[in-house]
Amino acid sequence: MECIEVTYRGRRHRVHHHERIPLSAMLKFGDNPTNIYGVAPASAAPLRYGDSLASVEHGGACNASRISLVPHCHGTHTECAGHIMPGEHNVAELVFEPFIAATLIRVPLQRAGEMSETYNASARGTDLVITRAAIDDALSQVAPHYLQALVIAAKAPSWRLADEIPPYFSHQAMARIVELGVHHLLVDVPSIDRLHDDGRMDNHRCFWGMGLPTAEACARLRCSVTEMAQVSPATPAGSYFLSLHLPDCSGDALPSKPILFPFSQGNDAA
């Protein structure tokens, strides 16, 4: 099978599934440096039952591990509106199409103290921010019709090495993403909100169409946010199809494996 044919917006697209572009890195329990919010790293240990240890290396009949992780803190993860709602809402229950029309853009970062856009009172002038102006400029350089999903990568990866608050989005940037009709947002930063924003989570609420913190309903319950995506600098901006894979577990967020696929266009569908 050389390609998979997908019809989108009345036009056939040949998805080149052999040329997959992963947007995540394997979560290795033995060596996991990612620990957002300073939580302990993800870990795994052989299961102990009675006097036995489930480790072939240590004389057991088989290997079986007990794992500990926090999806929001330990790598690429996808979350649903349940992240900010009362009750149980499971991201694995969202319906993801096998191939989602997606656009990848790269945006520059701007200091909060130098931008004309806004965030809440937790912002500091030295914070790095993704703005609406940067998103609009990047989108003007790509095809505008593949926005079921939007992948946003920061042009300046050096922030990862700095001992400071990671980049986040301005309020205007998030409002623009919603206005564009994006259902699945993927970003290479730890959070679309400032990590320490006194619990406001304005951008999460905006994305899911949820107003006040006391609100119990979201207008965009079928939408998802994927944070800490891993976007290679070699992957060009442009249009793709996205496949998003999650384990079948409960939880408002789960480790995920997003994959981009390049495509070529065919004739109009009959």
Protein backbone atom coordinates (compact mmCIF):
# COMPACT_ATOMS: atom_id res chain seq x y z
CA MET A 1 0.00 0.00 0.00
CA GLU A 2 1.73 3.16 -1.20
CA CYS A 3 -0.74 5.67 0.17
CA ILE A 4 -4.13 6.08 1.79
CA GLU A 5 -6.76 8.18 0.03
CA VAL A 6 -8.71 10.65 2.15
CA THR A 7 -11.45 12.96 0.92
CA TYR A 8 -11.44 16.36 2.56
CA ARG A 9 -13.41 19.43 1.51
CA GLY A 10 -14.57 17.60 -1.61
CA ARG A 11 -11.05 16.81 -2.81
CA ARG A 12 -9.08 13.57 -2.76
CA HIS A 13 -5.81 13.56 -0.86
CA ARG A 14 -3.16 10.82 -1.03
CA VAL A 15 -1.79 10.42 2.48
CA HIS A 16 1.79 9.13 2.44
CA HIS A 17 1.59 6.98 5.55
CA HIS A 18 5.14 5.62 5.15
CA GLU A 19 6.51 9.16 5.65
CA ARG A 20 5.12 9.59 9.15
CA ILE A 21 6.43 12.43 11.31
CA PRO A 22 6.10 11.72 15.05
CA LEU A 23 5.35 14.67 17.33
CA SER A 24 6.29 12.91 20.55
CA ALA A 25 9.25 11.21 22.15
CA MET A 26 9.10 7.92 24.00
CA LEU A 27 8.54 8.35 27.73
CA LYS A 28 11.44 6.44 29.25
CA PHE A 29 10.82 5.64 32.89
CA GLY A 30 14.48 5.02 33.62
CA ASP A 31 15.62 8.37 32.24
CA ASN A 32 12.89 10.98 32.16
CA PRO A 33 14.16 14.52 32.67
CA THR A 34 10.76 16.17 32.13
CA ASN A 35 9.16 17.14 35.43
CA ILE A 36 7.00 20.24 34.96
CA TYR A 37 6.05 21.96 38.24
CA GLY A 38 8.95 20.22 39.93
CA VAL A 39 7.05 16.97 40.47
CA ALA A 40 9.06 13.76 40.78
CA PRO A 41 10.02 12.20 37.44
CA ALA A 42 7.93 9.37 36.03
CA SER A 43 9.17 6.00 37.26
CA ALA A 44 8.75 2.26 36.93
CA ALA A 45 9.69 -0.58 39.26
CA PRO A 46 9.30 -4.37 39.08
CA LEU A 47 6.07 -5.60 40.61
CA ARG A 48 6.57 -7.40 43.91
CA TYR A 49 4.03 -10.08 44.82
CA GLY A 50 4.56 -12.12 47.93
CA ASP A 51 8.24 -13.08 48.02
CA SER A 52 8.58 -12.81 44.25
CA LEU A 53 9.82 -9.97 42.08
CA ALA A 54 8.56 -9.65 38.50
CA SER A 55 11.98 -9.13 36.96
CA VAL A 56 13.74 -11.68 34.78
CA GLU A 57 17.03 -9.90 35.50
CA HIS A 58 16.55 -10.59 39.21
CA GLY A 59 15.43 -14.19 38.84
CA GLY A 60 11.73 -13.72 38.19
CA ALA A 61 9.78 -15.73 35.62
CA CYS A 62 8.71 -12.63 33.72
CA ASN A 63 8.83 -8.86 33.70
CA ALA A 64 5.92 -6.81 35.03
CA SER A 65 6.23 -3.21 36.19
CA ARG A 66 4.28 -0.83 38.35
CA ILE A 67 4.50 2.64 36.81
CA SER A 68 3.97 6.12 38.22
CA LEU A 69 3.43 9.20 36.07
CA VAL A 70 1.55 12.47 35.84
CA PRO A 71 0.45 12.94 32.21
CA HIS A 72 0.32 16.74 32.52
CA CYS A 73 3.94 16.87 33.71
CA HIS A 74 5.87 14.02 32.13
CA GLY A 75 5.92 14.53 28.39
CA THR A 76 3.65 14.81 25.38
CA HIS A 77 0.04 14.54 26.51
CA THR A 78 -3.46 15.28 25.24
CA GLU A 79 -6.11 16.72 27.50
CA CYS A 80 -9.85 17.34 27.29
CA ALA A 81 -12.18 19.89 28.87
CA GLY A 82 -12.27 17.68 31.96
CA HIS A 83 -8.99 19.34 32.89
CA ILE A 84 -10.97 22.35 34.13
CA MET A 85 -14.41 20.86 34.83
CA PRO A 86 -15.92 19.13 37.85
CA GLY A 87 -16.73 15.45 37.58
CA GLU A 88 -15.14 12.80 35.38
CA HIS A 89 -14.47 13.62 31.73
CA ASN A 90 -12.12 11.28 29.89
CA VAL A 91 -9.97 12.35 26.98
CA ALA A 92 -9.97 8.78 25.64
CA GLU A 93 -13.71 9.10 25.05
CA LEU A 94 -13.25 11.90 22.52
CA VAL A 95 -13.83 10.83 18.93
CA PHE A 96 -10.72 11.48 16.85
CA GLU A 97 -10.98 10.97 13.10
CA PRO A 98 -8.31 8.62 11.73
CA PHE A 99 -6.87 11.49 9.66
CA ILE A 100 -7.40 15.08 10.80
CA ALA A 101 -6.63 17.98 8.47
CA ALA A 102 -3.78 19.83 10.18
CA THR A 103 -1.54 22.83 9.73
CA LEU A 104 1.93 23.24 11.24
CA ILE A 105 3.24 26.76 11.83
CA ARG A 106 6.34 28.15 13.50
CA VAL A 107 6.04 31.36 15.47
CA PRO A 108 8.51 33.76 17.10
CA LEU A 109 8.26 34.52 20.80
CA GLN A 110 7.84 38.01 22.22
CA ARG A 111 8.47 39.39 25.69
CA ALA A 112 5.24 40.17 27.52
CA GLY A 113 6.52 43.62 28.42
CA GLU A 114 7.05 44.48 24.75
CA MET A 115 3.83 43.18 23.20
CA SER A 116 0.60 45.08 22.53
CA GLU A 117 -1.50 42.03 23.48
CA THR A 118 -2.53 40.99 26.98
CA TYR A 119 -2.53 38.26 29.59
CA ASN A 120 -3.78 38.29 33.17
CA ALA A 121 -2.14 39.88 36.19
CA SER A 122 0.20 36.92 36.73
CA ALA A 123 2.24 37.89 33.65
CA ARG A 124 5.72 39.32 34.05
CA GLY A 125 7.44 41.56 31.53
CA THR A 126 10.22 39.08 30.85
CA ASP A 127 7.83 36.19 30.05
CA LEU A 128 7.98 34.79 26.52
CA VAL A 129 4.59 34.84 24.79
CA ILE A 130 3.03 33.53 21.57
CA THR A 131 0.87 36.32 20.16
CA ARG A 132 -2.07 36.55 17.79
CA ALA A 133 0.01 38.71 15.47
CA ALA A 134 2.64 35.96 15.22
CA ILE A 135 -0.01 33.31 14.53
CA ASP A 136 -1.72 35.39 11.86
CA ASP A 137 1.59 36.13 10.15
CA ALA A 138 2.58 32.44 10.13
CA LEU A 139 -0.84 31.35 8.84
CA SER A 140 -0.65 33.86 5.97
CA GLN A 141 2.24 31.81 4.56
CA VAL A 142 0.45 28.44 4.40
CA ALA A 143 -2.73 26.99 2.91
CA PRO A 144 -5.69 28.21 5.01
CA HIS A 145 -8.01 25.20 4.69
CA TYR A 146 -6.40 22.55 6.90
CA LEU A 147 -7.32 23.81 10.34
CA GLN A 148 -9.21 21.00 12.01
CA ALA A 149 -5.95 20.77 13.94
CA LEU A 150 -3.25 23.39 14.43
CA VAL A 151 0.31 22.55 15.45
CA ILE A 152 2.23 25.54 16.81
CA ALA A 153 5.98 25.33 17.36
CA ALA A 154 8.11 28.10 18.84
CA LYS A 155 10.93 29.29 16.61
CA ALA A 156 13.26 29.79 19.57
CA PRO A 157 13.83 26.42 21.28
CA SER A 158 16.48 27.98 23.54
CA TRP A 159 13.78 28.72 26.11
CA ARG A 160 13.96 25.06 27.10
CA LEU A 161 17.38 25.66 28.63
CA ALA A 162 16.48 28.77 30.58
CA ASP A 163 15.52 28.77 34.25
CA GLU A 164 12.34 30.78 33.72
CA ILE A 165 8.62 30.43 33.09
CA PRO A 166 8.09 28.59 29.77
CA PRO A 167 6.32 30.43 26.91
CA TYR A 168 2.54 30.65 26.85
CA PHE A 169 -0.18 32.27 24.73
CA SER A 170 -1.67 35.74 24.91
CA HIS A 171 -5.42 35.99 25.40
CA GLN A 172 -5.79 37.37 21.87
CA ALA A 173 -3.84 34.45 20.43
CA MET A 174 -6.11 31.88 22.05
CA ALA A 175 -9.24 33.76 21.01
CA ARG A 176 -7.93 33.74 17.44
CA ILE A 177 -7.36 29.99 17.51
CA VAL A 178 -10.97 29.45 18.62
CA GLU A 179 -12.19 31.91 15.99
CA LEU A 180 -10.40 29.88 13.30
CA GLY A 181 -12.44 26.83 14.29
CA VAL A 182 -9.49 24.74 15.46
CA HIS A 183 -10.72 21.61 17.27
CA HIS A 184 -7.36 20.09 18.14
CA LEU A 185 -4.52 22.33 19.25
CA LEU A 186 -0.99 20.94 19.56
CA VAL A 187 1.82 23.02 21.06
CA ASP A 188 5.46 22.38 21.93
CA VAL A 189 5.26 24.29 25.22
CA PRO A 190 4.30 22.81 28.62
CA SER A 191 1.04 24.77 28.86
CA ILE A 192 -1.07 27.18 26.82
CA ASP A 193 -1.38 29.21 30.04
CA ARG A 194 1.37 30.60 32.23
CA LEU A 195 2.52 27.77 34.50
CA HIS A 196 1.91 29.83 37.63
CA ASP A 197 -1.12 32.04 36.97
CA ASP A 198 -2.88 31.81 40.34
CA GLY A 199 -5.31 29.20 39.02
CA ARG A 200 -6.98 31.43 36.42
CA MET A 201 -6.26 29.21 33.39
CA ASP A 202 -7.79 31.81 31.09
CA ASN A 203 -6.56 30.25 27.84
CA HIS A 204 -7.80 26.78 28.71
CA ARG A 205 -11.23 28.26 29.50
CA CYS A 206 -11.22 30.25 26.29
CA PHE A 207 -10.28 27.23 24.17
CA TRP A 208 -13.02 25.03 25.60
CA GLY A 209 -15.62 27.82 25.60
CA MET A 210 -15.91 27.89 29.36
CA GLY A 211 -16.47 31.20 31.11
CA LEU A 212 -16.21 31.64 34.85
CA PRO A 213 -14.36 29.10 37.02
CA THR A 214 -17.72 28.15 38.55
CA ALA A 215 -19.23 27.25 35.16
CA GLU A 216 -20.16 23.61 34.71
CA ALA A 217 -20.53 23.46 30.93
CA CYS A 218 -18.09 23.90 28.05
CA ALA A 219 -19.17 24.84 24.53
CA ARG A 220 -16.31 22.92 22.89
CA LEU A 221 -16.38 19.58 24.71
CA ARG A 222 -15.17 17.67 21.63
CA CYS A 223 -11.96 19.68 21.36
CA SER A 224 -8.52 18.73 22.67
CA VAL A 225 -5.21 20.33 23.60
CA THR A 226 -1.91 18.51 23.23
CA GLU A 227 0.99 20.03 25.13
CA MET A 228 4.73 19.32 25.08
CA ALA A 229 4.60 18.07 21.50
CA GLN A 230 8.05 17.40 20.05
CA VAL A 231 8.38 19.17 16.69
CA SER A 232 11.63 18.57 14.85
CA PRO A 233 13.26 21.70 13.38
CA ALA A 234 13.52 19.72 10.13
CA THR A 235 9.74 19.45 9.75
CA PRO A 236 8.56 22.21 7.40
CA ALA A 237 5.55 24.39 8.10
CA GLY A 238 2.52 23.59 5.98
CA SER A 239 -0.44 21.26 5.59
CA TYR A 240 -0.61 17.67 6.79
CA PHE A 241 -3.00 15.05 8.05
CA LEU A 242 -2.77 14.23 11.75
CA SER A 243 -3.37 10.95 13.54
CA LEU A 244 -3.64 11.15 17.33
CA HIS A 245 -3.15 8.02 19.45
CA LEU A 246 -4.01 7.62 23.14
CA PRO A 247 -4.22 4.65 25.53
CA ASP A 248 -7.72 3.53 26.43
CA CYS A 249 -7.64 4.72 30.05
CA SER A 250 -9.69 7.09 32.14
CA GLY A 251 -8.39 10.56 32.88
CA ASP A 252 -8.71 14.16 31.76
CA ALA A 253 -5.23 13.87 30.21
CA LEU A 254 -3.18 10.95 28.92
CA PRO A 255 0.23 10.46 27.33
CA SER A 256 -0.30 10.66 23.57
CA LYS A 257 1.42 9.95 20.28
CA PRO A 258 0.52 12.50 17.59
CA ILE A 259 1.77 11.72 14.07
CA LEU A 260 1.78 13.99 11.03
CA PHE A 261 1.52 12.63 7.50
CA PRO A 262 2.41 14.53 4.32
CA PHE A 263 0.03 14.22 1.41
CA SER A 264 -0.45 15.03 -2.25
CA GLN A 265 -3.71 16.21 -3.79
CA GLY A 266 -5.72 14.28 -6.31
CA ASN A 267 -8.83 15.08 -8.31
CA ASP A 268 -12.10 16.38 -6.92
CA ALA A 269 -14.28 13.68 -5.38
CA ALA A 270 -17.26 12.55 -7.41
